[in-house]
Protein backbone atom coordinates (compact mmCIF):
# COMPACT_ATOMS: atom_id res chain seq x y z
CA MET A 1 99.87 60.99 90.13
CA ASP A 2 98.85 63.70 87.63
CA ILE A 3 96.55 66.07 89.57
CA ALA A 4 94.30 68.46 87.64
CA VAL A 5 92.65 70.13 90.65
CA GLN A 6 93.89 70.31 94.23
CA LEU A 7 91.84 71.96 96.98
CA GLN A 8 93.39 72.20 100.45
CA GLY A 9 91.63 73.35 103.62
CA ILE A 10 88.79 75.09 101.77
CA THR A 11 86.45 76.76 104.26
CA LYS A 12 83.45 78.89 103.30
CA ARG A 13 81.16 80.49 105.86
CA PHE A 14 77.85 82.33 105.48
CA ASP A 15 77.53 84.29 108.72
CA ALA A 16 77.38 81.62 111.47
CA PHE A 17 76.83 78.75 109.02
CA THR A 18 79.86 76.85 107.71
CA ALA A 19 79.06 75.43 104.27
CA ASN A 20 82.56 74.04 103.61
CA ASP A 21 84.70 73.01 106.57
CA ARG A 22 88.43 72.50 105.80
CA ILE A 23 87.80 70.45 102.66
CA ASP A 24 90.68 68.68 100.92
CA LEU A 25 90.02 67.39 97.40
CA SER A 26 92.30 65.98 94.72
CA VAL A 27 90.99 65.34 91.20
CA ARG A 28 93.22 63.43 88.78
CA ARG A 29 93.57 64.44 85.17
CA GLY A 30 91.56 62.26 82.79
CA GLU A 31 88.95 61.00 85.26
CA ILE A 32 85.29 61.54 86.06
CA HIS A 33 85.21 62.52 89.72
CA ALA A 34 81.75 62.55 91.32
CA ILE A 35 80.96 64.70 94.35
CA ILE A 36 77.88 63.50 96.16
CA GLY A 37 76.04 64.34 99.37
CA GLU A 38 72.72 65.40 100.79
CA ASN A 39 71.27 68.87 100.25
CA GLY A 40 73.27 71.31 102.31
CA ALA A 41 76.34 69.06 102.30
CA GLY A 42 78.35 71.80 100.54
CA LYS A 43 78.77 70.32 97.04
CA THR A 44 77.68 73.30 94.93
CA THR A 45 79.32 75.79 97.31
CA LEU A 46 82.65 73.99 96.90
CA MET A 47 82.39 74.04 93.09
CA ASN A 48 81.36 77.70 93.12
CA VAL A 49 84.55 78.41 95.10
CA LEU A 50 86.61 76.48 92.55
CA PHE A 51 84.99 78.35 89.64
CA GLY A 52 85.40 81.77 91.26
CA LEU A 53 81.71 82.48 91.93
CA LEU A 54 82.46 82.51 95.67
CA GLN A 55 85.63 83.39 97.55
CA PRO A 56 86.86 81.01 100.28
CA ASP A 57 87.45 82.24 103.81
CA GLU A 58 90.37 79.83 104.14
CA GLY A 59 92.28 77.37 101.98
CA THR A 60 94.16 77.16 98.71
CA ILE A 61 93.44 76.09 95.12
CA SER A 62 95.86 74.62 92.58
CA VAL A 63 95.02 73.86 88.94
CA ASN A 64 97.42 71.67 86.97
CA GLY A 65 100.00 72.05 89.74
CA LYS A 66 99.81 75.85 89.70
CA PRO A 67 98.64 77.75 92.81
CA LEU A 68 95.71 79.93 91.81
CA VAL A 69 93.67 82.70 93.38
CA VAL A 70 90.32 82.37 91.58
CA THR A 71 88.87 85.84 92.01
CA SER A 72 86.21 85.41 89.29
CA PRO A 73 84.90 82.95 86.70
CA ALA A 74 87.02 84.77 84.11
CA VAL A 75 90.16 83.66 85.96
CA ALA A 76 88.87 80.07 86.11
CA ILE A 77 88.00 80.06 82.39
CA ALA A 78 91.46 81.42 81.52
CA GLU A 79 92.95 78.42 83.39
CA GLY A 80 90.86 75.92 81.43
CA LEU A 81 87.92 75.42 83.78
CA GLY A 82 84.31 75.43 82.64
CA MET A 83 81.08 74.98 84.58
CA VAL A 84 77.67 73.79 83.35
CA HIS A 85 75.10 74.96 85.86
CA GLN A 86 71.97 73.09 86.88
CA HIS A 87 69.80 75.93 85.53
CA PHE A 88 70.69 76.72 81.94
CA LYS A 89 71.66 80.24 80.91
CA LEU A 90 70.65 80.36 77.25
CA VAL A 91 68.96 83.15 75.26
CA PRO A 92 65.92 81.53 73.57
CA SER A 93 65.64 84.09 70.77
CA LEU A 94 69.22 83.48 69.56
CA THR A 95 70.51 80.60 67.47
CA VAL A 96 72.52 77.72 68.88
CA ALA A 97 75.74 79.18 67.44
CA ASP A 98 74.98 82.67 68.79
CA ASN A 99 74.51 81.19 72.27
CA ILE A 100 77.73 79.18 72.07
CA PHE A 101 79.81 82.23 71.17
CA LEU A 102 77.90 84.78 73.27
CA GLY A 103 80.42 87.18 74.78
CA MET A 104 83.25 85.95 72.51
CA GLU A 105 81.71 86.49 69.10
CA ILE A 106 83.70 85.82 65.94
CA ARG A 107 83.92 89.09 64.03
CA LYS A 108 84.79 90.14 60.50
CA ARG A 109 85.29 93.81 59.70
CA GLY A 110 83.73 94.68 63.06
CA LEU A 111 80.55 92.67 62.47
CA ILE A 112 79.58 89.29 63.91
CA ASP A 113 80.54 86.58 61.40
CA ARG A 114 77.58 84.26 61.91
CA LYS A 115 78.64 81.97 59.10
CA ALA A 116 81.99 81.35 60.79
CA GLN A 117 80.27 80.83 64.15
CA ILE A 118 77.94 78.23 62.65
CA GLU A 119 80.86 76.39 61.03
CA GLN A 120 82.94 76.37 64.22
CA ALA A 121 79.93 75.25 66.28
CA ARG A 122 79.29 72.43 63.81
CA THR A 123 82.94 71.32 63.92
CA LEU A 124 82.94 71.35 67.73
CA SER A 125 79.68 69.42 67.98
CA ARG A 126 80.92 66.75 65.56
CA LYS A 127 84.23 66.35 67.37
CA PHE A 128 82.55 65.54 70.68
CA GLY A 129 79.44 63.81 69.36
CA LEU A 130 77.11 66.56 70.59
CA ASN A 131 74.77 66.63 67.62
CA VAL A 132 73.07 70.01 67.32
CA ASP A 133 71.99 72.27 64.46
CA PRO A 134 74.01 75.48 65.00
CA ALA A 135 71.62 77.54 62.84
CA GLU A 136 68.49 76.59 64.80
CA ARG A 137 66.98 78.96 67.36
CA VAL A 138 67.10 77.76 70.96
CA ALA A 139 63.41 78.50 71.60
CA GLY A 140 61.51 75.25 71.31
CA LEU A 141 64.50 72.92 71.59
CA SER A 142 64.37 70.02 74.07
CA VAL A 143 66.16 70.34 77.39
CA GLY A 144 68.54 67.60 76.27
CA ILE A 145 69.65 69.73 73.31
CA GLU A 146 69.86 72.80 75.54
CA GLN A 147 72.26 70.95 77.82
CA ARG A 148 74.43 70.02 74.84
CA ILE A 149 74.57 73.71 73.93
CA GLU A 150 75.69 74.59 77.47
CA ILE A 151 78.47 72.00 77.22
CA LEU A 152 79.50 73.34 73.80
CA LYS A 153 79.69 76.85 75.29
CA VAL A 154 82.22 75.53 77.79
CA LEU A 155 84.18 73.62 75.13
CA ALA A 156 84.29 76.66 72.85
CA ARG A 157 86.19 78.42 75.64
CA ASN A 158 88.83 75.66 75.54
CA ALA A 159 87.90 74.11 78.87
CA ARG A 160 89.86 71.01 79.85
CA ILE A 161 88.33 70.68 83.32
CA ILE A 162 84.53 70.61 83.20
CA ILE A 163 82.25 70.93 86.24
CA LEU A 164 78.64 69.72 85.86
CA ASP A 165 76.10 70.53 88.58
CA GLU A 166 73.22 67.99 88.71
CA PRO A 167 73.41 67.52 84.92
CA THR A 168 70.67 64.88 84.55
CA ALA A 169 67.93 66.63 86.55
CA VAL A 170 65.82 67.34 83.45
CA LEU A 171 66.89 64.53 81.11
CA THR A 172 65.19 61.34 79.95
CA PRO A 173 67.05 58.07 80.66
CA GLN A 174 68.22 57.94 77.03
CA GLU A 175 69.47 61.53 77.17
CA SER A 176 71.31 60.72 80.40
CA ARG A 177 73.04 57.76 78.75
CA ASP A 178 74.02 59.96 75.81
CA LEU A 179 75.47 62.48 78.26
CA PHE A 180 77.47 59.78 80.05
CA ALA A 181 78.89 58.61 76.71
CA THR A 182 79.92 62.21 75.98
CA LEU A 183 81.61 62.55 79.38
CA ARG A 184 83.49 59.31 78.79
CA SER A 185 84.71 60.65 75.42
CA PHE A 186 85.97 63.76 77.23
CA VAL A 187 88.20 61.78 79.60
CA GLU A 188 89.44 59.61 76.72
CA ASP A 189 90.57 62.91 75.17
CA GLY A 190 92.53 63.70 78.36
CA MET A 191 89.97 66.07 79.86
CA THR A 192 88.76 66.01 83.47
CA VAL A 193 85.12 65.97 84.60
CA ILE A 194 83.81 66.90 88.06
CA PHE A 195 80.26 65.69 88.41
CA ILE A 196 77.90 66.86 91.19
CA SER A 197 74.92 64.63 91.86
CA HIS A 198 72.71 63.01 94.48
CA HIS A 199 71.49 60.26 92.11
CA LEU A 200 73.45 57.22 93.19
CA GLU A 201 72.67 55.08 90.14
CA GLU A 202 74.18 57.58 87.73
CA VAL A 203 77.17 58.18 90.00
CA MET A 204 77.89 54.45 90.02
CA ALA A 205 77.33 54.26 86.26
CA VAL A 206 79.64 57.04 85.10
CA SER A 207 82.25 58.00 87.71
CA ASP A 208 85.80 56.75 88.31
CA THR A 209 86.27 58.29 91.76
CA ILE A 210 83.67 59.41 94.31
CA THR A 211 83.98 61.98 97.09
CA VAL A 212 81.22 62.03 99.70
CA LEU A 213 80.41 65.24 101.58
CA ARG A 214 78.31 65.44 104.73
CA ASP A 215 77.65 68.60 106.74
CA GLY A 216 80.31 70.50 104.81
CA ARG A 217 83.09 67.96 105.40
CA VAL A 218 84.68 65.18 103.37
CA VAL A 219 83.56 61.79 104.65
CA ALA A 220 85.57 59.73 102.17
CA THR A 221 87.12 59.63 98.70
CA ARG A 222 87.14 56.20 97.08
CA GLY A 223 87.37 54.53 93.71
CA LYS A 224 83.95 53.50 92.40
CA SER A 225 84.96 49.84 92.36
CA GLU A 226 85.53 50.00 96.14
CA LEU A 227 81.97 51.11 96.95
CA SER A 228 78.43 49.78 96.85
CA LYS A 229 75.28 51.87 96.64
CA ARG A 230 74.43 50.91 100.24
CA GLU A 231 77.83 52.08 101.48
CA LEU A 232 77.45 55.39 99.63
CA VAL A 233 74.07 56.04 101.22
CA ARG A 234 75.45 55.21 104.66
CA MET A 235 78.29 57.67 104.12
CA MET A 236 75.92 60.39 102.90
CA VAL A 237 73.27 60.00 105.60
CA GLY A 238 75.09 58.28 108.44
CA ARG A 239 72.71 55.29 108.50
CA ASP A 240 71.15 52.65 106.23
CA VAL A 241 68.34 53.83 103.93
CA SER A 242 66.14 51.66 101.73
CA PHE A 243 64.70 52.77 98.39
CA ASP A 244 63.46 49.38 97.30
CA ARG A 245 59.92 49.05 95.98
CA ARG A 246 57.58 49.41 98.94
CA PRO A 247 55.45 46.37 99.85
CA ARG A 248 51.72 46.95 99.54
CA SER A 249 48.35 45.27 99.92
CA PRO A 250 45.39 45.82 97.54
CA GLY A 251 43.24 48.91 98.09
CA SER A 252 39.46 48.93 98.15
CA GLY A 253 39.39 49.81 94.46
CA ARG A 254 36.43 52.20 94.66
CA ALA A 255 36.58 54.93 92.02
CA VAL A 256 37.70 58.32 93.34
CA LEU A 257 38.97 60.42 90.40
CA SER A 258 37.99 60.08 86.76
CA VAL A 259 39.42 62.45 84.11
CA SER A 260 38.01 62.35 80.57
CA ASP A 261 39.17 64.17 77.41
CA LEU A 262 40.80 66.95 79.41
CA TRP A 263 42.29 69.89 77.50
CA ALA A 264 43.92 73.05 78.87
CA ARG A 265 46.17 75.89 77.72
CA ASP A 266 49.44 77.11 79.23
CA ASP A 267 50.35 80.70 80.14
CA ARG A 268 51.16 81.42 76.47
CA ARG A 269 47.67 80.23 75.47
CA LEU A 270 49.16 77.19 73.74
CA PRO A 271 47.69 73.69 74.29
CA ALA A 272 49.29 72.15 77.38
CA LEU A 273 46.89 69.24 77.99
CA LYS A 274 45.56 67.27 75.05
CA ALA A 275 42.78 64.71 75.49
CA VAL A 276 44.03 63.45 78.85
CA ASN A 277 42.20 60.42 80.25
CA LEU A 278 43.06 58.84 83.60
CA SER A 279 41.53 57.38 86.74
CA VAL A 280 42.65 56.86 90.33
CA SER A 281 41.03 54.46 92.80
CA ALA A 282 41.09 54.37 96.59
CA GLY A 283 44.21 52.66 97.92
CA GLU A 284 46.08 53.23 94.66
CA ILE A 285 49.06 55.37 93.67
CA VAL A 286 49.01 56.43 90.02
CA GLY A 287 52.31 57.97 88.94
CA ILE A 288 52.76 60.59 86.24
CA ALA A 289 56.19 60.39 84.57
CA GLY A 290 57.72 62.75 82.05
CA VAL A 291 60.43 65.31 81.48
CA ALA A 292 59.50 68.59 83.17
CA GLY A 293 57.41 70.87 80.97
CA ASN A 294 55.24 68.27 79.27
CA GLY A 295 51.93 69.21 80.89
CA GLN A 296 52.36 67.78 84.37
CA THR A 297 52.21 71.18 86.07
CA GLU A 298 49.12 72.23 84.09
CA LEU A 299 47.41 68.93 84.96
CA ALA A 300 47.95 69.54 88.68
CA GLU A 301 46.77 73.14 88.35
CA VAL A 302 43.57 72.18 86.52
CA LEU A 303 42.67 69.46 89.03
CA SER A 304 43.31 71.78 91.99
CA GLY A 305 41.32 74.69 90.50
CA LEU A 306 44.33 76.91 89.83
CA ARG A 307 43.99 76.81 86.03
CA PRO A 308 40.82 76.65 83.88
CA ALA A 309 40.27 73.71 81.56
CA SER A 310 39.48 74.31 77.90
CA HIS A 311 37.41 71.18 77.55
CA GLY A 312 36.72 67.88 79.25
CA SER A 313 35.67 66.49 82.60
CA ALA A 314 37.26 65.71 85.98
CA LEU A 315 34.99 63.89 88.42
CA LEU A 316 35.79 63.48 92.12
CA HIS A 317 33.44 60.92 93.65
CA GLY A 318 31.27 61.33 90.57
CA LYS A 319 30.94 65.13 90.92
CA GLU A 320 32.49 67.62 88.51
CA LEU A 321 35.55 69.52 89.78
CA LEU A 322 36.09 71.84 86.84
CA GLU A 323 34.92 75.45 87.15
CA HIS A 324 35.00 75.27 90.96
CA SER A 325 37.33 77.36 93.10
CA PRO A 326 40.35 75.83 94.88
CA ALA A 327 38.54 76.22 98.22
CA GLU A 328 35.48 74.40 96.92
CA ILE A 329 37.63 71.62 95.47
CA ARG A 330 39.46 71.21 98.79
CA ALA A 331 36.12 71.00 100.56
CA ARG A 332 35.20 68.09 98.28
CA GLY A 333 38.18 66.09 99.53
CA LEU A 334 41.23 67.06 97.45
CA ALA A 335 44.53 67.79 99.20
CA HIS A 336 47.29 69.33 97.08
CA VAL A 337 51.06 69.28 97.50
CA PRO A 338 52.19 71.77 94.82
CA GLY A 339 55.37 71.37 92.80
CA ASP A 340 56.60 74.85 93.77
CA ARG A 341 56.48 74.80 97.55
CA LEU A 342 57.71 78.38 97.96
CA ALA A 343 55.27 79.96 95.50
CA ARG A 344 52.15 77.94 96.44
CA GLY A 345 53.00 75.69 99.36
CA VAL A 346 53.86 78.04 102.19
CA ASP A 347 53.92 81.69 103.19
CA GLY A 348 57.55 82.21 104.10
CA ASN A 349 56.76 85.28 106.21
CA ALA A 350 54.23 83.36 108.34
CA THR A 351 54.93 81.05 111.26
CA LEU A 352 54.78 77.28 111.05
CA SER A 353 51.52 77.37 113.03
CA ALA A 354 49.99 79.85 110.58
CA ASN A 355 51.06 77.68 107.65
CA MET A 356 49.62 74.55 109.26
CA LEU A 357 46.35 76.41 109.84
CA MET A 358 45.83 77.22 106.16
CA GLY A 359 42.70 75.55 104.85
CA ARG A 360 41.39 74.63 108.29
CA GLN A 361 41.00 78.07 109.84
CA ARG A 362 37.22 77.68 110.07
CA LYS A 363 37.29 74.22 111.62
CA GLN A 364 37.23 73.15 115.23
CA PRO A 365 39.24 72.91 117.41
CA TYR A 366 41.28 75.65 115.67
CA SER A 367 38.42 78.13 115.39
CA ARG A 368 35.78 78.92 118.01
CA ARG A 369 33.03 81.47 117.41
CA GLY A 370 35.03 82.99 114.56
CA LEU A 371 38.27 83.36 116.56
CA ILE A 372 41.47 81.37 116.09
CA ASP A 373 42.53 79.31 119.10
CA TRP A 374 46.28 79.63 118.68
CA ARG A 375 47.03 77.34 121.60
CA ALA A 376 45.18 74.54 119.81
CA VAL A 377 46.98 75.38 116.57
CA ASP A 378 50.37 75.36 118.31
CA ARG A 379 49.62 71.99 119.92
CA GLU A 380 48.69 70.47 116.57
CA THR A 381 51.76 72.03 114.93
CA LYS A 382 54.06 70.53 117.58
CA ALA A 383 52.49 67.11 117.05
CA LEU A 384 52.96 67.37 113.27
CA MET A 385 56.53 68.59 113.68
CA GLN A 386 57.28 65.45 115.65
CA ARG A 387 55.44 63.07 113.31
CA PHE A 388 57.01 64.49 110.14
CA ASP A 389 60.43 65.24 111.68
CA ILE A 390 60.23 68.96 110.91
CA ARG A 391 63.41 70.44 112.31
CA ALA A 392 62.70 73.85 113.78
CA ARG A 393 62.84 75.41 117.23
CA GLY A 394 59.08 75.63 117.59
CA PRO A 395 55.68 76.42 116.03
CA ARG A 396 56.33 80.16 116.00
CA ASP A 397 59.42 79.96 113.78
CA LEU A 398 58.97 81.59 110.39
CA ALA A 399 58.71 79.16 107.48
CA SER A 400 61.43 81.11 105.65
CA SER A 401 63.94 80.16 108.38
CA LEU A 402 63.68 76.46 107.49
CA SER A 403 65.65 74.47 104.93
CA GLY A 404 63.96 73.47 101.68
CA GLY A 405 63.49 69.91 102.87
CA ASN A 406 61.83 71.02 106.10
CA ILE A 407 59.56 73.44 104.23
CA GLN A 408 58.49 70.50 102.06
CA LYS A 409 57.67 68.53 105.21
CA VAL A 410 55.48 71.41 106.43
CA VAL A 411 53.44 71.24 103.22
CA LEU A 412 53.17 67.45 103.39
CA ALA A 413 52.17 67.51 107.06
CA ARG A 414 49.38 70.01 106.42
CA GLU A 415 48.02 68.33 103.30
CA PHE A 416 48.33 64.73 104.47
CA THR A 417 46.33 65.51 107.60
CA ALA A 418 43.74 67.77 105.94
CA GLY A 419 41.12 64.99 105.87
CA GLY A 420 40.84 64.66 102.09
CA ASP A 421 40.69 61.22 100.49
CA PHE A 422 42.34 62.26 97.22
CA LEU A 423 45.96 63.40 97.35
CA LEU A 424 47.43 65.32 94.42
CA ILE A 425 51.19 65.23 95.05
CA ASP A 426 53.53 67.08 92.70
CA GLN A 427 57.31 66.45 93.04
CA PRO A 428 57.21 65.35 96.71
CA THR A 429 60.98 65.04 97.10
CA ARG A 430 62.26 67.80 94.81
CA GLY A 431 65.30 69.34 96.46
CA VAL A 432 65.03 66.98 99.42
CA ASP A 433 67.97 64.95 100.71
CA ILE A 434 68.11 61.16 100.85
CA GLY A 435 67.15 60.77 104.51
CA ALA A 436 64.10 63.00 104.11
CA GLN A 437 63.16 61.22 100.88
CA GLU A 438 62.89 57.92 102.71
CA ALA A 439 60.64 59.47 105.38
CA ILE A 440 58.41 61.11 102.74
CA HIS A 441 58.06 57.84 100.82
CA SER A 442 57.05 56.06 104.03
CA GLU A 443 54.37 58.68 104.71
CA ILE A 444 53.00 58.41 101.15
CA MET A 445 52.71 54.65 101.58
CA ARG A 446 50.95 55.18 104.92
CA GLN A 447 48.40 57.35 103.14
CA ARG A 448 47.88 54.60 100.55
CA ALA A 449 47.37 52.07 103.34
CA ASP A 450 44.67 54.40 104.74
CA ASP A 451 42.84 53.89 101.40
CA LYS A 452 43.64 57.33 100.02
CA ALA A 453 43.66 57.77 96.24
CA ILE A 454 46.98 59.32 95.21
CA LEU A 455 48.06 60.96 91.94
CA LEU A 456 51.84 61.27 92.17
CA ILE A 457 53.67 63.52 89.70
CA SER A 458 57.45 63.03 89.69
CA THR A 459 60.38 63.44 87.33
CA GLN A 460 62.29 60.81 89.34
CA LEU A 461 61.81 57.36 87.81
CA ASP A 462 63.27 55.58 90.84
CA GLU A 463 60.70 57.32 93.02
CA LEU A 464 57.84 56.19 90.78
CA ALA A 465 59.24 52.65 90.66
CA ALA A 466 59.31 52.54 94.47
CA LEU A 467 55.81 53.95 95.03
CA ALA A 468 53.43 53.76 92.05
CA ASP A 469 50.99 50.97 91.28
CA ARG A 470 50.59 52.26 87.72
CA ILE A 471 52.69 54.80 85.81
CA LEU A 472 51.30 57.05 83.06
CA VAL A 473 53.86 58.76 80.82
CA MET A 474 53.23 62.30 79.55
CA PHE A 475 54.75 63.91 76.48
CA GLU A 476 53.70 67.30 75.10
CA GLY A 477 50.44 67.22 77.04
CA ARG A 478 49.34 63.70 76.08
CA ILE A 479 49.34 60.39 77.90
CA MET A 480 51.72 58.26 75.83
CA GLY A 481 51.02 55.00 77.63
CA GLU A 482 50.71 53.11 80.89
CA ILE A 483 53.27 50.88 82.66
CA ASP A 484 52.85 48.55 85.64
CA GLY A 485 54.83 50.08 88.50
CA ALA A 486 56.03 46.67 89.66
CA ALA A 487 57.55 45.91 86.24
CA MET A 488 58.84 49.30 85.11
CA ASP A 489 60.96 49.05 81.97
CA GLU A 490 63.30 52.02 81.92
CA GLU A 491 63.93 51.70 78.18
CA SER A 492 60.21 51.78 77.32
CA ILE A 493 59.40 54.57 79.72
CA GLY A 494 62.33 56.61 78.42
CA LEU A 495 61.13 56.23 74.83
CA MET A 496 57.64 57.40 75.80
CA MET A 497 59.12 60.35 77.71
CA ALA A 498 60.76 61.32 74.40
CA GLY A 499 57.46 60.94 72.50
CA ILE A 500 58.24 57.57 70.91
CA ASP A 501 55.86 54.61 70.97
CA PRO A 502 58.08 51.70 72.19
CA VAL A 503 55.97 49.13 70.33
CA ALA A 504 56.36 51.02 67.04
CA ALA A 505 60.08 51.52 67.74
CA ALA A 506 60.52 47.76 68.27
CA GLU A 507 58.72 47.02 64.98
CA VAL A 508 61.04 49.39 63.10
CA GLN A 509 64.08 47.60 64.51
């Protein structure tokens, strides 16, 4: 067997926490090898060790049969490894070609030969089917094109073993399929791909071999043909988990939120929302789909009072929300789970009890005669910790001591029990592992069953398919169309996410 990468006994500790525990991994040359697992399973840590970003406490690495001490990324690159990180590292003001050759510029008489760089970038992009314009500036390009540039950066450094960390997190379904076709062309050319993901559908679609990590250890390595999605989930979580569409009964249908001709600007004073119209009724989940950065964040901020609208109307129970403060909007019945839980969801330096108290500090039984009754707050916090499975030692733990998934549960617990009848939920399971995702989905459906009106913003199409009654697709600040959640067509929704009218596209064909 021709082995491209061999890891033996890799152990990596961070103080008392063991992220990788005696991991053995063999990756064959010319295959796509997926590494999957829940958050905290040790996937990215292991790849950072392989690429030289972290040094192992124990264990050995071999590349192409050669023992290797990977002291830095430079050593890894010299041995033919390349890594495309989840968060891109491009310079927006430079051209595509300048970004590809950044740090290894082609020079002529001491000056950067930009013409040669453009020609080499064009040759490389044609060879691997990564269509980009090398002369174009990166600023303003789609995230799909940006990812192609990151891959070309790796290829320009002659990588034959490519590591991709959560590569489809910001892509449309069509862009994801294009990426998978590119990866398959790599292995046909004799290259090796290591693919980190927690999206089971894409793992099953593109990989040859799958390694499952749980709690820093290898659970199993199997050929894709030997595994089902259910078996993979059981390996990752240790139990069965269902992500099928949730059963539901009709809501009361009374109007709760009505948004008309809503416009708003982003932080650069450019239009971010353009003539948005939508409604949400009691007992209904309306999903907002779209690639990140197409106005979803600004929509949530406008509705929650965190960003002013330029024009339009947003009525909650028939009363205008716009131009009111966040506190006033909350008092009218809006609960908000923000997309950035660390920036706006919790105070990391405060206790769990203090975070649960936010927004209800003037209400009984938590406040009496202007004083906080901390015993009552602690009791409520303990009850919410149990209901939402928040894993911490107690109510007086600092929020910053919790994992990302548990911090998300703190925000959900506070907002879902705040008493509001309109829930604005932005990316409820971002950065949350599979087991916690199932629990969060169950709680959202419980809120729907309690006749809450829910506006659910998510970049995960499978999440919207499982939860939403209707799905609205956003592109560049506009609503492109509406899809029935029970009959979601991934092709149509992907076209709208890319700004294409699927009806018009079908007529052209």
